[in-house]
Amino acid sequence: MRPIVCLFLIGLALRCYAASDGGLVCKPVLKEMTLFLLGSKESLEENLKSYDPPQEAIDAKLLVKDCVDEISYLDRLKIAGAVVKILGECGMKAWLSKFSPGTPLAK
């Protein structure tokens, strides 16, 4: 497994752990994770700028995004599938059924 995938999954696990006390991962976090993995660099940058972070933070995130974009889209879709499974395991079925009703774990 590529190091970037490991880092992504660790970050997801930490966010998921924080949500496991009955809370839900907020929509902006999930949107950012989706854009980071499957979206365009431009859409990710636009989303990040909406939070008014330092430009260095945006540049660093976009540098990692360049690495992620080197992974084939099919493999990124597989990673996204793993993310959905992790969210399901973290008690996110209610969220998935509300925001992604077609997902098998949402049923």
PDB file of N, CA and C in Angstrom:
ATOM      1  N   MET A   1       0.850  -1.173   0.000  1.00  0.00           N
ATOM      2  CA  MET A   1       0.000   0.000   0.000  1.00  0.00           C
ATOM      3  C   MET A   1       0.897   1.238   0.000  1.00  0.00           C
ATOM      4  N   ARG A   2       0.529   2.210  -0.799  1.00  0.00           N
ATOM      5  CA  ARG A   2       1.313   3.443  -0.881  1.00  0.00           C
ATOM      6  C   ARG A   2       1.201   4.231   0.416  1.00  0.00           C
ATOM      7  N   PRO A   3       2.279   4.926   0.782  1.00  0.00           N
ATOM      8  CA  PRO A   3       2.255   5.695   2.033  1.00  0.00           C
ATOM      9  C   PRO A   3       1.121   6.707   2.098  1.00  0.00           C
ATOM     10  N   ILE A   4       0.784   7.339   0.966  1.00  0.00           N
ATOM     11  CA  ILE A   4      -0.280   8.341   0.988  1.00  0.00           C
ATOM     12  C   ILE A   4      -1.618   7.722   1.370  1.00  0.00           C
ATOM     13  N   VAL A   5      -1.847   6.500   0.923  1.00  0.00           N
ATOM     14  CA  VAL A   5      -3.090   5.814   1.260  1.00  0.00           C
ATOM     15  C   VAL A   5      -3.132   5.537   2.760  1.00  0.00           C
ATOM     16  N   CYS A   6      -2.013   5.118   3.304  1.00  0.00           N
ATOM     17  CA  CYS A   6      -1.941   4.869   4.749  1.00  0.00           C
ATOM     18  C   CYS A   6      -2.237   6.144   5.536  1.00  0.00           C
ATOM     19  N   LEU A   7      -1.636   7.248   5.128  1.00  0.00           N
ATOM     20  CA  LEU A   7      -1.875   8.514   5.825  1.00  0.00           C
ATOM     21  C   LEU A   7      -3.330   8.935   5.724  1.00  0.00           C
ATOM     22  N   PHE A   8      -3.913   8.746   4.552  1.00  0.00           N
ATOM     23  CA  PHE A   8      -5.320   9.099   4.357  1.00  0.00           C
ATOM     24  C   PHE A   8      -6.205   8.264   5.280  1.00  0.00           C
ATOM     25  N   LEU A   9      -5.953   6.971   5.347  1.00  0.00           N
ATOM     26  CA  LEU A   9      -6.774   6.097   6.178  1.00  0.00           C
ATOM     27  C   LEU A   9      -6.585   6.384   7.671  1.00  0.00           C
ATOM     28  N   ILE A  10      -5.369   6.746   8.063  1.00  0.00           N
ATOM     29  CA  ILE A  10      -5.128   7.113   9.464  1.00  0.00           C
ATOM     30  C   ILE A  10      -5.914   8.378   9.809  1.00  0.00           C
ATOM     31  N   GLY A  11      -5.869   9.366   8.922  1.00  0.00           N
ATOM     32  CA  GLY A  11      -6.635  10.594   9.152  1.00  0.00           C
ATOM     33  C   GLY A  11      -8.123  10.317   9.245  1.00  0.00           C
ATOM     34  N   LEU A  12      -8.598   9.452   8.368  1.00  0.00           N
ATOM     35  CA  LEU A  12     -10.018   9.082   8.394  1.00  0.00           C
ATOM     36  C   LEU A  12     -10.367   8.365   9.696  1.00  0.00           C
ATOM     37  N   ALA A  13      -9.500   7.473  10.122  1.00  0.00           N
ATOM     38  CA  ALA A  13      -9.759   6.736  11.360  1.00  0.00           C
ATOM     39  C   ALA A  13      -9.849   7.686  12.553  1.00  0.00           C
ATOM     40  N   LEU A  14      -8.964   8.676  12.598  1.00  0.00           N
ATOM     41  CA  LEU A  14      -9.007   9.639  13.704  1.00  0.00           C
ATOM     42  C   LEU A  14     -10.290  10.445  13.687  1.00  0.00           C
ATOM     43  N   ARG A  15     -10.718  10.861  12.508  1.00  0.00           N
ATOM     44  CA  ARG A  15     -11.978  11.601  12.419  1.00  0.00           C
ATOM     45  C   ARG A  15     -13.149  10.709  12.790  1.00  0.00           C
ATOM     46  N   CYS A  16     -13.065   9.476  12.366  1.00  0.00           N
ATOM     47  CA  CYS A  16     -14.131   8.516  12.639  1.00  0.00           C
ATOM     48  C   CYS A  16     -14.186   8.222  14.139  1.00  0.00           C
ATOM     49  N   TYR A  17     -13.032   8.094  14.770  1.00  0.00           N
ATOM     50  CA  TYR A  17     -12.984   7.832  16.196  1.00  0.00           C
ATOM     51  C   TYR A  17     -13.671   8.961  16.962  1.00  0.00           C
ATOM     52  N   ALA A  18     -13.413  10.191  16.543  1.00  0.00           N
ATOM     53  CA  ALA A  18     -14.036  11.332  17.216  1.00  0.00           C
ATOM     54  C   ALA A  18     -15.543  11.325  17.030  1.00  0.00           C
ATOM     55  N   ALA A  19     -16.010  10.731  15.955  1.00  0.00           N
ATOM     56  CA  ALA A  19     -17.450  10.708  15.693  1.00  0.00           C
ATOM     57  C   ALA A  19     -18.140   9.511  16.328  1.00  0.00           C
ATOM     58  N   SER A  20     -17.373   8.565  16.849  1.00  0.00           N
ATOM     59  CA  SER A  20     -17.967   7.324  17.331  1.00  0.00           C
ATOM     60  C   SER A  20     -18.731   7.481  18.641  1.00  0.00           C
ATOM     61  N   ASP A  21     -18.654   8.645  19.266  1.00  0.00           N
ATOM     62  CA  ASP A  21     -19.389   8.858  20.514  1.00  0.00           C
ATOM     63  C   ASP A  21     -20.834   9.239  20.266  1.00  0.00           C
ATOM     64  N   GLY A  22     -21.310   8.977  19.070  1.00  0.00           N
ATOM     65  CA  GLY A  22     -22.695   9.272  18.751  1.00  0.00           C
ATOM     66  C   GLY A  22     -22.847  10.471  17.840  1.00  0.00           C
ATOM     67  N   GLY A  23     -21.758  11.255  17.689  1.00  0.00           N
ATOM     68  CA  GLY A  23     -21.803  12.400  16.792  1.00  0.00           C
ATOM     69  C   GLY A  23     -21.614  11.948  15.355  1.00  0.00           C
ATOM     70  N   LEU A  24     -21.815  12.865  14.469  1.00  0.00           N
ATOM     71  CA  LEU A  24     -21.617  12.572  13.063  1.00  0.00           C
ATOM     72  C   LEU A  24     -20.467  13.408  12.537  1.00  0.00           C
ATOM     73  N   VAL A  25     -19.726  12.833  11.618  1.00  0.00           N
ATOM     74  CA  VAL A  25     -18.685  13.597  10.954  1.00  0.00           C
ATOM     75  C   VAL A  25     -19.400  14.685  10.163  1.00  0.00           C
ATOM     76  N   CYS A  26     -18.958  15.899  10.334  1.00  0.00           N
ATOM     77  CA  CYS A  26     -19.670  17.001   9.695  1.00  0.00           C
ATOM     78  C   CYS A  26     -19.519  16.966   8.177  1.00  0.00           C
ATOM     79  N   LYS A  27     -20.505  17.527   7.497  1.00  0.00           N
ATOM     80  CA  LYS A  27     -20.519  17.523   6.035  1.00  0.00           C
ATOM     81  C   LYS A  27     -19.270  18.157   5.427  1.00  0.00           C
ATOM     82  N   PRO A  28     -18.759  19.270   5.963  1.00  0.00           N
ATOM     83  CA  PRO A  28     -17.554  19.845   5.354  1.00  0.00           C
ATOM     84  C   PRO A  28     -16.347  18.902   5.374  1.00  0.00           C
ATOM     85  N   VAL A  29     -16.195  18.130   6.440  1.00  0.00           N
ATOM     86  CA  VAL A  29     -15.080  17.184   6.512  1.00  0.00           C
ATOM     87  C   VAL A  29     -15.233  16.114   5.442  1.00  0.00           C
ATOM     88  N   LEU A  30     -16.427  15.579   5.296  1.00  0.00           N
ATOM     89  CA  LEU A  30     -16.653  14.549   4.291  1.00  0.00           C
ATOM     90  C   LEU A  30     -16.523  15.106   2.880  1.00  0.00           C
ATOM     91  N   LYS A  31     -16.962  16.338   2.690  1.00  0.00           N
ATOM     92  CA  LYS A  31     -16.808  16.966   1.373  1.00  0.00           C
ATOM     93  C   LYS A  31     -15.335  17.122   1.040  1.00  0.00           C
ATOM     94  N   GLU A  32     -14.557  17.588   1.999  1.00  0.00           N
ATOM     95  CA  GLU A  32     -13.120  17.773   1.768  1.00  0.00           C
ATOM     96  C   GLU A  32     -12.436  16.445   1.489  1.00  0.00           C
ATOM     97  N   MET A  33     -12.810  15.402   2.220  1.00  0.00           N
ATOM     98  CA  MET A  33     -12.208  14.080   1.986  1.00  0.00           C
ATOM     99  C   MET A  33     -12.557  13.569   0.594  1.00  0.00           C
ATOM    100  N   THR A  34     -13.794  13.780   0.167  1.00  0.00           N
ATOM    101  CA  THR A  34     -14.215  13.341  -1.162  1.00  0.00           C
ATOM    102  C   THR A  34     -13.475  14.114  -2.249  1.00  0.00           C
ATOM    103  N   LEU A  35     -13.397  15.431  -2.095  1.00  0.00           N
ATOM    104  CA  LEU A  35     -12.667  16.233  -3.077  1.00  0.00           C
ATOM    105  C   LEU A  35     -11.193  15.859  -3.119  1.00  0.00           C
ATOM    106  N   PHE A  36     -10.621  15.593  -1.954  1.00  0.00           N
ATOM    107  CA  PHE A  36      -9.209  15.226  -1.879  1.00  0.00           C
ATOM    108  C   PHE A  36      -8.955  13.928  -2.643  1.00  0.00           C
ATOM    109  N   LEU A  37      -9.842  12.997  -2.516  1.00  0.00           N
ATOM    110  CA  LEU A  37      -9.636  11.688  -3.118  1.00  0.00           C
ATOM    111  C   LEU A  37     -10.101  11.621  -4.566  1.00  0.00           C
ATOM    112  N   LEU A  38     -11.270  12.174  -4.867  1.00  0.00           N
ATOM    113  CA  LEU A  38     -11.864  11.979  -6.188  1.00  0.00           C
ATOM    114  C   LEU A  38     -12.038  13.261  -7.001  1.00  0.00           C
ATOM    115  N   GLY A  39     -11.996  14.406  -6.358  1.00  0.00           N
ATOM    116  CA  GLY A  39     -12.259  15.661  -7.050  1.00  0.00           C
ATOM    117  C   GLY A  39     -11.042  16.215  -7.768  1.00  0.00           C
ATOM    118  N   SER A  40     -11.265  17.331  -8.438  1.00  0.00           N
ATOM    119  CA  SER A  40     -10.169  18.001  -9.142  1.00  0.00           C
ATOM    120  C   SER A  40      -9.366  18.844  -8.157  1.00  0.00           C
ATOM    121  N   LYS A  41      -8.158  19.133  -8.550  1.00  0.00           N
ATOM    122  CA  LYS A  41      -7.294  19.976  -7.729  1.00  0.00           C
ATOM    123  C   LYS A  41      -7.919  21.363  -7.552  1.00  0.00           C
ATOM    124  N   GLU A  42      -8.540  21.859  -8.613  1.00  0.00           N
ATOM    125  CA  GLU A  42      -9.151  23.183  -8.572  1.00  0.00           C
ATOM    126  C   GLU A  42     -10.328  23.225  -7.596  1.00  0.00           C
ATOM    127  N   SER A  43     -11.166  22.189  -7.621  1.00  0.00           N
ATOM    128  CA  SER A  43     -12.319  22.178  -6.709  1.00  0.00           C
ATOM    129  C   SER A  43     -11.873  22.032  -5.257  1.00  0.00           C
ATOM    130  N   LEU A  44     -10.822  21.259  -5.024  1.00  0.00           N
ATOM    131  CA  LEU A  44     -10.287  21.132  -3.670  1.00  0.00           C
ATOM    132  C   LEU A  44      -9.741  22.471  -3.193  1.00  0.00           C
ATOM    133  N   GLU A  45      -8.989  23.143  -4.059  1.00  0.00           N
ATOM    134  CA  GLU A  45      -8.419  24.436  -3.679  1.00  0.00           C
ATOM    135  C   GLU A  45      -9.519  25.451  -3.355  1.00  0.00           C
ATOM    136  N   GLU A  46     -10.553  25.482  -4.172  1.00  0.00           N
ATOM    137  CA  GLU A  46     -11.676  26.394  -3.927  1.00  0.00           C
ATOM    138  C   GLU A  46     -12.332  26.091  -2.584  1.00  0.00           C
ATOM    139  N   ASN A  47     -12.528  24.806  -2.298  1.00  0.00           N
ATOM    140  CA  ASN A  47     -13.136  24.405  -1.033  1.00  0.00           C
ATOM    141  C   ASN A  47     -12.251  24.802   0.147  1.00  0.00           C
ATOM    142  N   LEU A  48     -10.960  24.564   0.038  1.00  0.00           N
ATOM    143  CA  LEU A  48     -10.043  24.907   1.126  1.00  0.00           C
ATOM    144  C   LEU A  48     -10.009  26.415   1.377  1.00  0.00           C
ATOM    145  N   LYS A  49     -10.018  27.195   0.312  1.00  0.00           N
ATOM    146  CA  LYS A  49      -9.957  28.655   0.465  1.00  0.00           C
ATOM    147  C   LYS A  49     -11.186  29.206   1.182  1.00  0.00           C
ATOM    148  N   SER A  50     -12.291  28.476   1.135  1.00  0.00           N
ATOM    149  CA  SER A  50     -13.498  28.955   1.810  1.00  0.00           C
ATOM    150  C   SER A  50     -13.323  29.020   3.329  1.00  0.00           C
ATOM    151  N   TYR A  51     -12.295  28.349   3.851  1.00  0.00           N
ATOM    152  CA  TYR A  51     -12.024  28.366   5.299  1.00  0.00           C
ATOM    153  C   TYR A  51     -10.971  29.411   5.674  1.00  0.00           C
ATOM    154  N   ASP A  52     -10.432  30.115   4.666  1.00  0.00           N
ATOM    155  CA  ASP A  52      -9.432  31.164   4.867  1.00  0.00           C
ATOM    156  C   ASP A  52      -8.198  30.681   5.643  1.00  0.00           C
ATOM    157  N   PRO A  53      -7.625  29.543   5.236  1.00  0.00           N
ATOM    158  CA  PRO A  53      -6.406  29.084   5.907  1.00  0.00           C
ATOM    159  C   PRO A  53      -5.185  29.817   5.340  1.00  0.00           C
ATOM    160  N   PRO A  54      -4.032  29.668   5.977  1.00  0.00           N
ATOM    161  CA  PRO A  54      -2.808  30.246   5.403  1.00  0.00           C
ATOM    162  C   PRO A  54      -2.526  29.604   4.034  1.00  0.00           C
ATOM    163  N   GLN A  55      -1.980  30.391   3.131  1.00  0.00           N
ATOM    164  CA  GLN A  55      -1.692  29.883   1.788  1.00  0.00           C
ATOM    165  C   GLN A  55      -0.730  28.694   1.838  1.00  0.00           C
ATOM    166  N   GLU A  56       0.170  28.680   2.817  1.00  0.00           N
ATOM    167  CA  GLU A  56       1.118  27.567   2.943  1.00  0.00           C
ATOM    168  C   GLU A  56       0.378  26.247   3.198  1.00  0.00           C
ATOM    169  N   ALA A  57      -0.695  26.322   3.975  1.00  0.00           N
ATOM    170  CA  ALA A  57      -1.471  25.112   4.264  1.00  0.00           C
ATOM    171  C   ALA A  57      -2.177  24.614   3.002  1.00  0.00           C
ATOM    172  N   ILE A  58      -2.709  25.539   2.229  1.00  0.00           N
ATOM    173  CA  ILE A  58      -3.358  25.151   0.971  1.00  0.00           C
ATOM    174  C   ILE A  58      -2.334  24.538   0.030  1.00  0.00           C
ATOM    175  N   ASP A  59      -1.173  25.183  -0.086  1.00  0.00           N
ATOM    176  CA  ASP A  59      -0.130  24.676  -0.979  1.00  0.00           C
ATOM    177  C   ASP A  59       0.320  23.276  -0.572  1.00  0.00           C
ATOM    178  N   ALA A  60       0.453  23.047   0.736  1.00  0.00           N
ATOM    179  CA  ALA A  60       0.872  21.721   1.217  1.00  0.00           C
ATOM    180  C   ALA A  60      -0.174  20.664   0.879  1.00  0.00           C
ATOM    181  N   LYS A  61      -1.435  20.985   1.090  1.00  0.00           N
ATOM    182  CA  LYS A  61      -2.512  20.039   0.792  1.00  0.00           C
ATOM    183  C   LYS A  61      -2.565  19.737  -0.707  1.00  0.00           C
ATOM    184  N   LEU A  62      -2.372  20.760  -1.528  1.00  0.00           N
ATOM    185  CA  LEU A  62      -2.400  20.565  -2.976  1.00  0.00           C
ATOM    186  C   LEU A  62      -1.191  19.763  -3.463  1.00  0.00           C
ATOM    187  N   LEU A  63      -0.078  19.895  -2.771  1.00  0.00           N
ATOM    188  CA  LEU A  63       1.098  19.086  -3.112  1.00  0.00           C
ATOM    189  C   LEU A  63       0.814  17.607  -2.867  1.00  0.00           C
ATOM    190  N   VAL A  64       0.155  17.302  -1.756  1.00  0.00           N
ATOM    191  CA  VAL A  64      -0.234  15.915  -1.471  1.00  0.00           C
ATOM    192  C   VAL A  64      -1.293  15.459  -2.465  1.00  0.00           C
ATOM    193  N   LYS A  65      -2.203  16.368  -2.836  1.00  0.00           N
ATOM    194  CA  LYS A  65      -3.236  16.042  -3.828  1.00  0.00           C
ATOM    195  C   LYS A  65      -2.604  15.631  -5.145  1.00  0.00           C
ATOM    196  N   ASP A  66      -1.504  16.291  -5.530  1.00  0.00           N
ATOM    197  CA  ASP A  66      -0.791  15.899  -6.750  1.00  0.00           C
ATOM    198  C   ASP A  66      -0.351  14.438  -6.678  1.00  0.00           C
ATOM    199  N   CYS A  67       0.109  14.013  -5.509  1.00  0.00           N
ATOM    200  CA  CYS A  67       0.518  12.609  -5.333  1.00  0.00           C
ATOM    201  C   CYS A  67      -0.695  11.677  -5.427  1.00  0.00           C
ATOM    202  N   VAL A  68      -1.783  12.067  -4.806  1.00  0.00           N
ATOM    203  CA  VAL A  68      -3.001  11.249  -4.840  1.00  0.00           C
ATOM    204  C   VAL A  68      -3.495  11.107  -6.273  1.00  0.00           C
ATOM    205  N   ASP A  69      -3.402  12.180  -7.040  1.00  0.00           N
ATOM    206  CA  ASP A  69      -3.878  12.141  -8.420  1.00  0.00           C
ATOM    207  C   ASP A  69      -3.039  11.228  -9.311  1.00  0.00           C
ATOM    208  N   GLU A  70      -1.862  10.836  -8.861  1.00  0.00           N
ATOM    209  CA  GLU A  70      -1.044   9.888  -9.618  1.00  0.00           C
ATOM    210  C   GLU A  70      -1.574   8.456  -9.469  1.00  0.00           C
ATOM    211  N   ILE A  71      -2.393   8.224  -8.466  1.00  0.00           N
ATOM    212  CA  ILE A  71      -3.038   6.917  -8.296  1.00  0.00           C
ATOM    213  C   ILE A  71      -4.150   6.830  -9.333  1.00  0.00           C
ATOM    214  N   SER A  72      -4.290   5.688  -9.972  1.00  0.00           N
ATOM    215  CA  SER A  72      -5.325   5.558 -10.994  1.00  0.00           C
ATOM    216  C   SER A  72      -6.695   5.844 -10.389  1.00  0.00           C
ATOM    217  N   TYR A  73      -7.592   6.362 -11.231  1.00  0.00           N
ATOM    218  CA  TYR A  73      -8.925   6.692 -10.746  1.00  0.00           C
ATOM    219  C   TYR A  73      -9.639   5.446 -10.230  1.00  0.00           C
ATOM    220  N   LEU A  74      -9.423   4.321 -10.887  1.00  0.00           N
ATOM    221  CA  LEU A  74     -10.034   3.072 -10.437  1.00  0.00           C
ATOM    222  C   LEU A  74      -9.560   2.717  -9.027  1.00  0.00           C
ATOM    223  N   ASP A  75      -8.276   2.872  -8.773  1.00  0.00           N
ATOM    224  CA  ASP A  75      -7.757   2.590  -7.434  1.00  0.00           C
ATOM    225  C   ASP A  75      -8.291   3.592  -6.411  1.00  0.00           C
ATOM    226  N   ARG A  76      -8.449   4.854  -6.831  1.00  0.00           N
ATOM    227  CA  ARG A  76      -9.020   5.846  -5.909  1.00  0.00           C
ATOM    228  C   ARG A  76     -10.469   5.517  -5.591  1.00  0.00           C
ATOM    229  N   LEU A  77     -11.185   4.977  -6.560  1.00  0.00           N
ATOM    230  CA  LEU A  77     -12.559   4.534  -6.293  1.00  0.00           C
ATOM    231  C   LEU A  77     -12.572   3.379  -5.295  1.00  0.00           C
ATOM    232  N   LYS A  78     -11.598   2.482  -5.407  1.00  0.00           N
ATOM    233  CA  LYS A  78     -11.495   1.380  -4.442  1.00  0.00           C
ATOM    234  C   LYS A  78     -11.223   1.926  -3.042  1.00  0.00           C
ATOM    235  N   ILE A  79     -10.353   2.926  -2.970  1.00  0.00           N
ATOM    236  CA  ILE A  79     -10.065   3.556  -1.672  1.00  0.00           C
ATOM    237  C   ILE A  79     -11.332   4.216  -1.128  1.00  0.00           C
ATOM    238  N   ALA A  80     -12.075   4.870  -2.004  1.00  0.00           N
ATOM    239  CA  ALA A  80     -13.332   5.501  -1.580  1.00  0.00           C
ATOM    240  C   ALA A  80     -14.288   4.442  -1.041  1.00  0.00           C
ATOM    241  N   GLY A  81     -14.308   3.266  -1.661  1.00  0.00           N
ATOM    242  CA  GLY A  81     -15.133   2.168  -1.161  1.00  0.00           C
ATOM    243  C   GLY A  81     -14.709   1.749   0.232  1.00  0.00           C
ATOM    244  N   ALA A  82     -13.390   1.717   0.461  1.00  0.00           N
ATOM    245  CA  ALA A  82     -12.889   1.382   1.799  1.00  0.00           C
ATOM    246  C   ALA A  82     -13.299   2.453   2.810  1.00  0.00           C
ATOM    247  N   VAL A  83     -13.281   3.707   2.380  1.00  0.00           N
ATOM    248  CA  VAL A  83     -13.704   4.808   3.258  1.00  0.00           C
ATOM    249  C   VAL A  83     -15.159   4.621   3.656  1.00  0.00           C
ATOM    250  N   VAL A  84     -15.994   4.255   2.699  1.00  0.00           N
ATOM    251  CA  VAL A  84     -17.411   4.024   2.986  1.00  0.00           C
ATOM    252  C   VAL A  84     -17.558   2.897   4.011  1.00  0.00           C
ATOM    253  N   LYS A  85     -16.769   1.834   3.864  1.00  0.00           N
ATOM    254  CA  LYS A  85     -16.827   0.727   4.829  1.00  0.00           C
ATOM    255  C   LYS A  85     -16.412   1.192   6.220  1.00  0.00           C
ATOM    256  N   ILE A  86     -15.353   2.004   6.265  1.00  0.00           N
ATOM    257  CA  ILE A  86     -14.886   2.509   7.566  1.00  0.00           C
ATOM    258  C   ILE A  86     -15.967   3.366   8.210  1.00  0.00           C
ATOM    259  N   LEU A  87     -16.593   4.235   7.427  1.00  0.00           N
ATOM    260  CA  LEU A  87     -17.658   5.076   7.971  1.00  0.00           C
ATOM    261  C   LEU A  87     -18.810   4.219   8.483  1.00  0.00           C
ATOM    262  N   GLY A  88     -19.113   3.137   7.768  1.00  0.00           N
ATOM    263  CA  GLY A  88     -20.165   2.230   8.213  1.00  0.00           C
ATOM    264  C   GLY A  88     -19.820   1.566   9.529  1.00  0.00           C
ATOM    265  N   GLU A  89     -18.562   1.196   9.675  1.00  0.00           N
ATOM    266  CA  GLU A  89     -18.117   0.558  10.922  1.00  0.00           C
ATOM    267  C   GLU A  89     -18.118   1.526  12.095  1.00  0.00           C
ATOM    268  N   CYS A  90     -18.017   2.797  11.811  1.00  0.00           N
ATOM    269  CA  CYS A  90     -17.967   3.811  12.871  1.00  0.00           C
ATOM    270  C   CYS A  90     -19.348   4.315  13.259  1.00  0.00           C
ATOM    271  N   GLY A  91     -20.361   3.570  12.915  1.00  0.00           N
ATOM    272  CA  GLY A  91     -21.698   4.002  13.277  1.00  0.00           C
ATOM    273  C   GLY A  91     -22.224   5.106  12.390  1.00  0.00           C
ATOM    274  N   MET A  92     -21.731   5.166  11.171  1.00  0.00           N
ATOM    275  CA  MET A  92     -22.124   6.229  10.266  1.00  0.00           C
ATOM    276  C   MET A  92     -23.257   5.807   9.338  1.00  0.00           C
ATOM    277  N   LYS A  93     -23.897   4.696   9.611  1.00  0.00           N
ATOM    278  CA  LYS A  93     -24.968   4.232   8.733  1.00  0.00           C
ATOM    279  C   LYS A  93     -26.090   5.253   8.623  1.00  0.00           C
ATOM    280  N   ALA A  94     -26.398   5.943   9.704  1.00  0.00           N
ATOM    281  CA  ALA A  94     -27.457   6.962   9.657  1.00  0.00           C
ATOM    282  C   ALA A  94     -27.063   8.082   8.711  1.00  0.00           C
ATOM    283  N   TRP A  95     -25.801   8.506   8.792  1.00  0.00           N
ATOM    284  CA  TRP A  95     -25.339   9.561   7.899  1.00  0.00           C
ATOM    285  C   TRP A  95     -25.370   9.087   6.454  1.00  0.00           C
ATOM    286  N   LEU A  96     -24.865   7.886   6.221  1.00  0.00           N
ATOM    287  CA  LEU A  96     -24.836   7.352   4.861  1.00  0.00           C
ATOM    288  C   LEU A  96     -26.234   7.226   4.281  1.00  0.00           C
ATOM    289  N   SER A  97     -27.181   6.783   5.080  1.00  0.00           N
ATOM    290  CA  SER A  97     -28.541   6.628   4.559  1.00  0.00           C
ATOM    291  C   SER A  97     -29.169   7.982   4.238  1.00  0.00           C
ATOM    292  N   LYS A  98     -28.758   9.024   4.950  1.00  0.00           N
ATOM    293  CA  LYS A  98     -29.307  10.352   4.694  1.00  0.00           C
ATOM    294  C   LYS A  98     -28.649  11.009   3.488  1.00  0.00           C
ATOM    295  N   PHE A  99     -27.316  10.943   3.412  1.00  0.00           N
ATOM    296  CA  PHE A  99     -26.591  11.689   2.394  1.00  0.00           C
ATOM    297  C   PHE A  99     -26.132  10.837   1.211  1.00  0.00           C
ATOM    298  N   SER A 100     -26.159   9.545   1.344  1.00  0.00           N
ATOM    299  CA  SER A 100     -25.739   8.664   0.251  1.00  0.00           C
ATOM    300  C   SER A 100     -26.608   7.415   0.274  1.00  0.00           C
ATOM    301  N   PRO A 101     -27.914   7.558   0.010  1.00  0.00           N
ATOM    302  CA  PRO A 101     -28.846   6.455   0.175  1.00  0.00           C
ATOM    303  C   PRO A 101     -28.575   5.253  -0.727  1.00  0.00           C
ATOM    304  N   GLY A 102     -27.850   5.423  -1.809  1.00  0.00           N
ATOM    305  CA  GLY A 102     -27.563   4.308  -2.704  1.00  0.00           C
ATOM    306  C   GLY A 102     -26.435   3.413  -2.217  1.00  0.00           C
ATOM    307  N   THR A 103     -25.745   3.825  -1.173  1.00  0.00           N
ATOM    308  CA  THR A 103     -24.629   3.062  -0.648  1.00  0.00           C
ATOM    309  C   THR A 103     -25.132   1.792   0.021  1.00  0.00           C
ATOM    310  N   PRO A 104     -24.543   0.639  -0.310  1.00  0.00           N
ATOM    311  CA  PRO A 104     -25.014  -0.619   0.298  1.00  0.00           C
ATOM    312  C   PRO A 104     -24.995  -0.613   1.834  1.00  0.00           C
ATOM    313  N   LEU A 105     -24.012   0.065   2.426  1.00  0.00           N
ATOM    314  CA  LEU A 105     -23.945   0.087   3.887  1.00  0.00           C
ATOM    315  C   LEU A 105     -25.051   0.940   4.511  1.00  0.00           C
ATOM    316  N   ALA A 106     -25.682   1.778   3.706  1.00  0.00           N
ATOM    317  CA  ALA A 106     -26.730   2.656   4.239  1.00  0.00           C
ATOM    318  C   ALA A 106     -28.021   1.902   4.506  1.00  0.00           C
ATOM    319  N   LYS A 107     -28.117   0.695   3.990  1.00  0.00           N
ATOM    320  CA  LYS A 107     -29.363  -0.072   4.123  1.00  0.00           C
ATOM    321  C   LYS A 107     -29.383  -0.906   5.368  1.00  0.00           C
TER     322      LYS A 107
END
